[in-house]
Amino acid sequence: MIPGNFFGSQRSITVGDFKLVGRQLFEGHEGLKSLYEVSCDETDYLVDQASRLSGVLGARMLVADFGGCTINLIKSESLKK
C-alpha cells in the first residue's frame, strides 16, 4: 500500500473490513519509514510495540514530519470498561 492511500482504507472501512484497515495502517507506516524516510526511532518503537499487542489491528505514524504521533486501531473488546 502506498503510504497515505486514503481511498484504499476508505473502501476497507466502508465494507467493514477492519483487519484489512489495520494491515493498511501497518503497511503505510512501513512505507513512511522505509520509502520516504520520514519516521523516527520513537514512532517506529511505538508502532512496533503496538504490533505485538493482541488487541491492536493496526498502527502507523501520523503527521509525517520526522516525528509526530501514532494512530492505533484497536478491537473494542480490548478496551477496559
Protein backbone atom coordinates (compact mmCIF):
# COMPACT_ATOMS: atom_id res chain seq x y z
CA MET A 1 0.00 0.00 0.00
CA ILE A 2 1.21 3.47 -0.82
CA PRO A 3 1.67 5.46 2.41
CA GLY A 4 -1.39 7.57 3.00
CA ASN A 5 -3.54 5.68 0.48
CA PHE A 6 -6.78 7.15 1.75
CA PHE A 7 -9.00 5.56 -0.88
CA GLY A 8 -7.84 2.01 -0.18
CA SER A 9 -8.54 2.46 3.53
CA GLN A 10 -11.84 4.21 2.84
CA ARG A 11 -13.05 1.20 0.82
CA SER A 12 -11.98 -1.18 3.59
CA ILE A 13 -13.81 0.87 6.21
CA THR A 14 -16.93 1.11 4.04
CA VAL A 15 -17.20 -2.68 3.79
CA GLY A 16 -16.29 -3.14 7.47
CA ASP A 17 -13.01 -4.98 6.90
CA PHE A 18 -11.14 -3.56 9.88
CA LYS A 19 -8.50 -6.28 9.82
CA LEU A 20 -7.56 -5.03 6.35
CA VAL A 21 -7.63 -1.42 7.58
CA GLY A 22 -5.19 -2.48 10.29
CA ARG A 23 -2.86 -4.11 7.79
CA GLN A 24 -3.05 -0.98 5.65
CA LEU A 25 -2.03 1.12 8.66
CA PHE A 26 0.99 -1.09 9.35
CA GLU A 27 1.94 -1.12 5.66
CA GLY A 28 1.52 2.65 5.48
CA HIS A 29 3.87 3.10 8.41
CA GLU A 30 6.44 0.80 6.83
CA GLY A 31 6.30 2.91 3.67
CA LEU A 32 6.74 6.15 5.60
CA LYS A 33 9.68 4.58 7.41
CA SER A 34 11.41 2.83 4.51
CA LEU A 35 10.36 4.58 1.30
CA TYR A 36 10.03 8.17 2.44
CA GLU A 37 12.32 8.01 5.49
CA VAL A 38 10.18 10.47 7.43
CA SER A 39 9.74 8.37 10.56
CA CYS A 40 11.92 8.36 13.64
CA ASP A 41 13.06 5.77 16.17
CA GLU A 42 10.42 6.81 18.69
CA THR A 43 7.42 6.41 16.38
CA ASP A 44 8.89 3.21 14.94
CA TYR A 45 9.15 1.90 18.50
CA LEU A 46 5.52 2.80 19.26
CA VAL A 47 4.24 1.09 16.11
CA ASP A 48 6.43 -1.96 16.76
CA GLN A 49 5.19 -2.28 20.33
CA ALA A 50 1.57 -1.84 19.22
CA SER A 51 2.02 -4.62 16.65
CA ARG A 52 2.89 -7.01 19.48
CA LEU A 53 -0.41 -6.48 21.31
CA SER A 54 -3.22 -8.91 20.52
CA GLY A 55 -5.93 -6.24 20.59
CA VAL A 56 -4.24 -3.94 18.08
CA LEU A 57 -5.34 -4.28 14.46
CA GLY A 58 -3.02 -1.61 13.07
CA ALA A 59 -0.84 1.37 13.83
CA ARG A 60 1.11 3.99 11.94
CA MET A 61 2.81 7.31 12.30
CA LEU A 62 0.52 10.27 11.89
CA VAL A 63 1.84 13.59 10.62
CA ALA A 64 4.89 12.67 8.55
CA ASP A 65 7.26 15.37 9.71
CA PHE A 66 10.13 13.44 11.21
CA GLY A 67 8.27 12.55 14.35
CA GLY A 68 4.78 13.28 15.46
CA CYS A 69 2.49 10.69 16.96
CA THR A 70 0.88 7.37 16.10
CA ILE A 71 -2.68 6.33 15.46
CA ASN A 72 -3.75 2.88 16.58
CA LEU A 73 -6.75 0.81 15.55
CA ILE A 74 -7.74 -1.49 18.38
CA LYS A 75 -10.51 -4.02 18.91
CA SER A 76 -13.30 -2.55 21.04
CA GLU A 77 -13.38 -5.66 23.23
CA SER A 78 -9.77 -4.90 24.18
CA LEU A 79 -10.80 -1.69 25.94
CA LYS A 80 -11.19 -1.76 29.68
CA LYS A 81 -14.75 -0.91 30.64
